[in-house]
N, C-alpha and C. Protein backbone atom coordinates (compact mmCIF):
# COMPACT_ATOMS: atom_id res chain seq x y z
N MET A 1 171.56 76.18 160.04
CA MET A 1 172.09 75.00 160.48
C MET A 1 173.11 75.16 161.47
N SER A 2 172.75 74.19 162.34
CA SER A 2 173.68 74.19 163.74
C SER A 2 175.17 73.77 163.36
N GLU A 3 175.98 74.03 164.39
CA GLU A 3 177.24 73.56 164.29
C GLU A 3 177.35 72.00 164.15
N ALA A 4 176.67 71.37 164.99
CA ALA A 4 176.51 69.77 164.98
C ALA A 4 176.10 69.33 163.63
N GLU A 5 175.03 69.93 163.14
CA GLU A 5 174.67 69.43 161.85
C GLU A 5 175.66 69.54 160.77
N LYS A 6 176.33 70.66 160.84
CA LYS A 6 177.53 70.79 159.76
C LYS A 6 178.51 69.80 160.02
N LYS A 7 178.96 69.44 161.20
CA LYS A 7 179.96 68.50 161.43
C LYS A 7 179.37 67.24 160.94
N GLU A 8 178.24 66.92 161.30
CA GLU A 8 177.65 65.47 160.68
C GLU A 8 177.63 65.45 159.40
N ARG A 9 177.19 66.51 158.59
CA ARG A 9 177.37 66.50 157.17
C ARG A 9 178.50 66.44 156.54
N ILE A 10 179.63 67.10 157.27
CA ILE A 10 180.92 66.81 156.72
C ILE A 10 181.60 65.46 157.02
N ARG A 11 181.13 64.81 158.17
CA ARG A 11 181.52 63.55 158.50
C ARG A 11 181.09 62.61 157.54
N ILE A 12 179.78 62.55 157.19
CA ILE A 12 179.08 61.88 156.22
C ILE A 12 179.63 61.92 154.77
N ALA A 13 179.98 63.22 154.41
CA ALA A 13 180.74 63.35 153.11
C ALA A 13 182.22 62.66 153.05
N CYS A 14 182.84 62.89 154.19
CA CYS A 14 184.30 62.36 154.15
C CYS A 14 184.03 60.80 154.17
N LYS A 15 183.17 60.15 154.82
CA LYS A 15 183.07 58.71 154.74
C LYS A 15 182.75 58.21 153.61
N LYS A 16 181.73 59.06 152.76
CA LYS A 16 181.38 58.67 151.41
C LYS A 16 182.55 58.71 150.51
N TYR A 17 183.33 59.71 150.62
CA TYR A 17 184.48 60.02 149.73
C TYR A 17 185.58 58.55 149.99
N TYR A 18 185.99 58.47 151.17
CA TYR A 18 186.71 57.41 151.74
C TYR A 18 186.23 56.08 151.06
N ASP A 19 184.99 55.86 151.30
CA ASP A 19 184.61 54.53 150.72
C ASP A 19 184.54 54.56 149.40
N ASN A 20 184.47 55.41 148.53
CA ASN A 20 184.53 55.48 147.07
C ASN A 20 185.85 55.54 146.55
N ASN A 21 187.06 55.94 147.37
CA ASN A 21 188.22 55.99 146.97
C ASN A 21 189.33 55.29 147.93
N ARG A 22 188.84 54.26 148.46
CA ARG A 22 189.62 53.67 149.51
C ARG A 22 191.08 53.25 148.91
N GLU A 23 190.97 52.51 147.78
CA GLU A 23 192.23 52.19 147.24
C GLU A 23 193.18 53.32 146.73
N LYS A 24 192.71 54.29 146.26
CA LYS A 24 193.38 55.45 146.02
C LYS A 24 194.13 55.96 147.15
N ILE A 25 193.41 56.14 148.32
CA ILE A 25 193.85 56.54 149.51
C ILE A 25 194.90 55.69 150.15
N ALA A 26 194.62 54.59 150.13
CA ALA A 26 195.67 53.56 150.53
C ALA A 26 196.84 53.76 149.70
N GLU A 27 196.81 53.70 148.46
CA GLU A 27 198.03 53.96 147.61
C GLU A 27 198.80 55.36 148.02
N GLN A 28 198.19 56.15 148.23
CA GLN A 28 198.79 57.50 148.56
C GLN A 28 199.46 57.48 149.74
N LYS A 29 198.86 56.71 150.90
CA LYS A 29 199.63 56.52 152.21
C LYS A 29 200.76 55.65 151.95
N ARG A 30 200.67 54.73 151.28
CA ARG A 30 201.99 53.76 151.05
C ARG A 30 203.09 54.69 150.36
N GLN A 31 202.65 55.49 149.28
CA GLN A 31 203.88 56.19 148.62
C GLN A 31 204.37 57.30 149.68
N TYR A 32 203.46 58.02 150.45
CA TYR A 32 203.97 58.88 151.34
C TYR A 32 204.81 58.31 152.31
N TYR A 33 204.51 57.17 153.07
CA TYR A 33 205.37 56.37 153.70
C TYR A 33 206.67 56.13 153.22
N LYS A 34 206.60 55.50 152.00
CA LYS A 34 207.66 55.07 151.31
C LYS A 34 208.81 56.29 151.15
N ALA A 35 208.19 57.35 150.85
CA ALA A 35 209.15 58.63 150.42
C ALA A 35 209.70 59.24 151.78
N ASN A 36 208.89 59.11 152.73
CA ASN A 36 209.18 59.73 154.08
C ASN A 36 209.56 58.82 155.28
N ARG A 37 209.90 57.68 155.01
CA ARG A 37 210.06 56.57 156.15
C ARG A 37 211.02 57.11 156.99
N GLU A 38 212.23 57.53 156.70
CA GLU A 38 213.23 58.01 157.49
C GLU A 38 212.76 59.03 158.43
N LYS A 39 212.15 60.08 157.75
CA LYS A 39 211.81 61.33 158.64
C LYS A 39 210.66 60.69 159.67
N LEU A 40 209.82 60.10 159.47
CA LEU A 40 208.69 59.55 160.22
C LEU A 40 209.23 58.66 161.38
N THR A 41 210.35 57.82 161.01
CA THR A 41 210.89 57.07 162.01
C THR A 41 211.77 58.04 163.02
N GLN A 42 212.35 59.07 162.38
CA GLN A 42 213.21 59.79 163.24
C GLN A 42 212.10 60.64 164.12
N TYR A 43 210.92 61.17 163.70
CA TYR A 43 210.11 62.06 164.38
C TYR A 43 209.57 61.20 165.67
N GLN A 44 209.48 59.76 165.21
CA GLN A 44 208.81 58.86 166.29
C GLN A 44 209.66 58.70 167.38
N LYS A 45 211.02 58.60 167.12
CA LYS A 45 212.25 58.41 168.18
C LYS A 45 212.34 59.63 168.94
N GLU A 46 212.33 60.86 168.30
CA GLU A 46 212.63 61.82 169.00
C GLU A 46 211.51 62.53 169.75
N ASN A 47 210.22 62.14 169.56
CA ASN A 47 209.13 62.77 170.22
C ASN A 47 208.05 61.66 170.44
N PRO A 48 208.62 60.51 171.26
CA PRO A 48 207.57 59.41 171.49
C PRO A 48 206.27 59.76 172.16
N LYS A 49 206.28 60.85 173.11
CA LYS A 49 205.07 61.26 173.71
C LYS A 49 203.94 61.87 172.69
N LEU A 50 204.55 62.88 171.81
CA LEU A 50 203.72 63.45 170.92
C LEU A 50 203.20 62.47 169.93
N TYR A 51 204.06 61.59 169.56
CA TYR A 51 203.71 60.62 168.56
C TYR A 51 202.71 59.72 169.01
N ARG A 52 202.82 59.20 170.28
CA ARG A 52 201.86 57.97 170.78
C ARG A 52 200.39 59.04 171.08
N ILE A 53 200.49 60.23 171.55
CA ILE A 53 199.21 61.00 171.59
C ILE A 53 198.56 61.33 170.30
N SER A 54 199.29 61.44 169.30
CA SER A 54 198.77 61.87 167.88
C SER A 54 198.14 60.38 167.45
N GLN A 55 198.67 59.43 167.73
CA GLN A 55 198.20 58.21 167.20
C GLN A 55 196.83 57.74 167.87
N TRP A 56 196.86 58.04 169.20
CA TRP A 56 195.66 58.00 169.97
C TRP A 56 194.40 58.75 169.43
N LYS A 57 194.60 60.13 169.21
CA LYS A 57 193.61 60.88 168.77
C LYS A 57 193.13 60.38 167.29
N ARG A 58 194.01 60.11 166.45
CA ARG A 58 193.85 59.54 165.17
C ARG A 58 192.91 58.32 165.27
N ASN A 59 193.27 57.49 166.21
CA ASN A 59 192.45 56.15 166.42
C ASN A 59 191.21 56.54 167.28
N GLY A 60 190.69 57.72 167.67
CA GLY A 60 189.57 57.80 168.24
C GLY A 60 189.53 57.89 169.77
N ILE A 61 190.83 58.02 170.49
CA ILE A 61 190.75 57.94 171.88
C ILE A 61 190.63 59.43 172.33
N ILE A 62 189.59 59.44 173.22
CA ILE A 62 189.18 60.79 173.77
C ILE A 62 189.59 60.95 175.28
N ASP A 63 190.35 62.02 175.62
CA ASP A 63 190.51 62.14 177.15
C ASP A 63 190.84 63.38 177.49
N ASP A 64 190.45 64.02 178.67
CA ASP A 64 190.54 65.51 179.05
C ASP A 64 192.02 65.76 179.28
N ASP A 65 192.89 64.79 179.67
CA ASP A 65 194.29 65.21 180.05
C ASP A 65 195.26 64.08 179.31
N TYR A 66 195.45 64.25 177.97
CA TYR A 66 196.37 63.32 177.28
C TYR A 66 197.88 63.19 178.03
N ASP A 67 198.28 64.23 178.65
CA ASP A 67 199.66 64.21 179.27
C ASP A 67 199.49 63.32 180.47
N LEU A 68 198.54 63.26 181.21
CA LEU A 68 198.39 62.39 182.45
C LEU A 68 198.28 61.02 182.06
N LEU A 69 197.32 60.94 180.94
CA LEU A 69 196.99 59.48 180.34
C LEU A 69 198.33 58.83 180.04
N TYR A 70 199.09 59.71 179.31
CA TYR A 70 200.46 59.00 178.79
C TYR A 70 201.30 58.77 179.79
N GLU A 71 201.38 59.46 181.04
CA GLU A 71 202.25 59.15 182.03
C GLU A 71 201.69 57.80 182.68
N VAL A 72 200.37 57.72 182.97
CA VAL A 72 200.01 56.40 183.60
C VAL A 72 200.19 55.13 182.61
N PHE A 73 199.90 55.58 181.32
CA PHE A 73 200.22 54.45 180.33
C PHE A 73 201.67 53.92 180.27
N ILE A 74 202.62 54.89 180.33
CA ILE A 74 204.08 54.44 180.29
C ILE A 74 204.36 53.72 181.66
N LYS A 75 204.00 54.18 182.77
CA LYS A 75 204.44 53.70 184.10
C LYS A 75 203.75 52.30 184.19
N GLU A 76 202.91 52.03 183.65
CA GLU A 76 202.09 50.76 183.84
C GLU A 76 202.91 49.51 183.33
N THR A 77 203.09 48.64 184.27
CA THR A 77 204.12 47.59 184.04
C THR A 77 203.03 46.22 183.71
N ASN A 78 201.93 46.20 184.08
CA ASN A 78 201.13 44.85 183.95
C ASN A 78 199.90 45.22 183.34
N CYS A 79 199.36 43.99 182.63
CA CYS A 79 197.84 44.23 181.87
C CYS A 79 196.94 44.25 183.04
N TRP A 80 195.95 45.21 182.87
CA TRP A 80 194.90 45.43 183.98
C TRP A 80 193.92 44.12 183.88
N ILE A 81 193.96 43.25 182.73
CA ILE A 81 192.97 42.09 182.74
C ILE A 81 193.56 40.85 183.16
N CYS A 82 194.73 40.47 182.64
CA CYS A 82 195.36 39.28 182.89
C CYS A 82 196.41 39.53 184.01
N GLY A 83 197.17 40.68 184.13
CA GLY A 83 198.18 40.74 185.03
C GLY A 83 199.54 40.43 184.48
N LYS A 84 199.56 40.06 183.08
CA LYS A 84 200.80 39.66 182.51
C LYS A 84 201.74 40.91 182.42
N ASP A 85 202.99 40.64 182.51
CA ASP A 85 204.10 42.00 182.30
C ASP A 85 204.20 42.14 180.90
N PHE A 86 204.25 43.57 180.57
CA PHE A 86 204.41 44.03 179.35
C PHE A 86 205.75 43.84 178.77
N ASN A 87 205.93 43.24 177.54
CA ASN A 87 207.36 43.11 176.89
C ASN A 87 207.37 43.64 175.59
N LYS A 88 208.22 44.45 175.25
CA LYS A 88 208.37 45.25 173.94
C LYS A 88 208.63 44.17 172.80
N ASP A 89 209.21 43.12 173.22
CA ASP A 89 209.95 42.12 172.02
C ASP A 89 208.89 41.12 171.62
N ILE A 90 207.81 40.95 172.37
CA ILE A 90 206.94 39.97 172.01
C ILE A 90 205.57 40.65 171.63
N ARG A 91 205.03 40.37 170.46
CA ARG A 91 203.77 41.25 169.94
C ARG A 91 202.54 41.06 170.73
N MET A 92 202.45 40.00 171.34
CA MET A 92 200.91 40.05 172.21
C MET A 92 201.31 40.37 173.58
N ASP A 93 202.50 40.76 174.03
CA ASP A 93 202.88 41.40 175.32
C ASP A 93 202.94 42.88 175.22
N ILE A 94 202.68 43.44 174.14
CA ILE A 94 202.94 44.85 174.17
C ILE A 94 201.83 45.68 174.78
N ARG A 95 201.91 46.72 175.23
CA ARG A 95 201.20 47.62 176.12
C ARG A 95 199.89 48.37 175.00
N CYS A 96 198.73 48.08 175.21
CA CYS A 96 197.85 48.73 174.46
C CYS A 96 196.81 49.58 175.26
N LEU A 97 196.25 50.62 174.69
CA LEU A 97 195.25 51.30 175.37
C LEU A 97 193.83 50.88 174.63
N ASP A 98 192.91 50.42 175.53
CA ASP A 98 191.61 50.15 175.05
C ASP A 98 190.79 51.24 175.26
N HIS A 99 189.76 51.30 174.29
CA HIS A 99 188.75 52.37 174.40
C HIS A 99 187.32 51.97 173.72
N ASP A 100 186.38 52.69 174.34
CA ASP A 100 184.96 52.19 173.96
C ASP A 100 184.79 53.14 172.56
N HIS A 101 184.50 52.37 171.49
CA HIS A 101 184.17 52.96 170.12
C HIS A 101 182.87 53.79 170.16
N ASP A 102 181.94 53.45 170.98
CA ASP A 102 180.60 53.93 170.90
C ASP A 102 180.62 55.40 171.52
N ILE A 103 181.56 55.58 172.35
CA ILE A 103 181.59 56.96 173.02
C ILE A 103 182.21 58.06 172.19
N THR A 104 181.78 59.01 171.69
CA THR A 104 182.44 60.02 170.84
C THR A 104 182.53 61.38 171.31
N ASP A 105 181.88 61.60 172.49
CA ASP A 105 181.88 62.97 172.93
C ASP A 105 182.62 63.14 174.36
N ASP A 106 183.10 62.11 175.02
CA ASP A 106 183.62 62.20 176.31
C ASP A 106 184.82 61.24 176.38
N GLY A 107 185.40 61.29 177.56
CA GLY A 107 186.70 60.35 177.64
C GLY A 107 186.03 58.91 177.53
N ASN A 108 187.10 58.10 176.65
CA ASN A 108 186.35 56.72 176.25
C ASN A 108 187.43 55.65 176.58
N VAL A 109 188.39 55.93 177.35
CA VAL A 109 189.44 55.03 177.71
C VAL A 109 188.94 54.02 178.70
N ARG A 110 189.13 52.73 178.46
CA ARG A 110 188.84 51.74 179.54
C ARG A 110 189.90 51.06 180.25
N TYR A 111 191.03 50.54 179.42
CA TYR A 111 191.96 49.72 180.12
C TYR A 111 193.30 49.85 179.60
N ILE A 112 194.31 49.71 180.14
CA ILE A 112 195.75 49.42 179.59
C ILE A 112 195.93 48.00 179.72
N LEU A 113 196.03 47.34 178.62
CA LEU A 113 196.22 45.97 178.58
C LEU A 113 197.09 45.47 177.37
N CYS A 114 197.43 44.12 177.68
CA CYS A 114 198.38 43.52 176.68
C CYS A 114 197.60 43.34 175.24
N GLY A 115 198.38 43.03 174.22
CA GLY A 115 197.99 42.81 172.95
C GLY A 115 197.12 41.77 172.86
N TYR A 116 197.41 40.50 173.61
CA TYR A 116 196.35 39.30 173.53
C TYR A 116 194.97 39.59 174.31
N CYS A 117 195.03 40.33 175.31
CA CYS A 117 193.74 40.78 175.89
C CYS A 117 192.98 41.96 175.12
N ASN A 118 193.66 42.76 174.26
CA ASN A 118 193.20 43.61 173.46
C ASN A 118 192.49 42.94 172.43
N LEU A 119 193.05 41.89 171.72
CA LEU A 119 192.55 41.09 170.61
C LEU A 119 191.51 40.21 171.03
N PHE A 120 191.47 39.48 172.14
CA PHE A 120 190.71 38.38 172.32
C PHE A 120 189.82 38.28 173.68
N VAL A 121 190.16 39.22 174.44
CA VAL A 121 189.39 39.14 175.73
C VAL A 121 188.32 40.38 175.95
N VAL A 122 188.77 41.30 175.55
CA VAL A 122 187.85 42.55 175.90
C VAL A 122 187.25 42.89 174.42
N ARG A 123 185.88 42.77 174.51
CA ARG A 123 185.07 43.14 173.20
C ARG A 123 183.87 43.73 173.64
């Protein structure tokens, strides 16, 4: 059995387990967050770059140079789609990183955009 076949079998088994235990897994996540809220918040504040990159990886964003991607992401001041300034205080004006969900083996980042464009414009 090739390495790719092994990975695919593992992926299918994990998806099946998740589908059968969705509520149990969600409850475990809630309990972990509740028990470790302060530690997680502290880590996020002390290591914003590492935290952000780990979130991207967990959400399926693939890139050859995450450090460069982070620098471009942080320095960007306007949405690439509508041109609106990013604002941390308003939910729809936050900075988002859009990616192509269909690409799973190479860089899949498309845009740095505002929350509104991420939800309603780019699909």
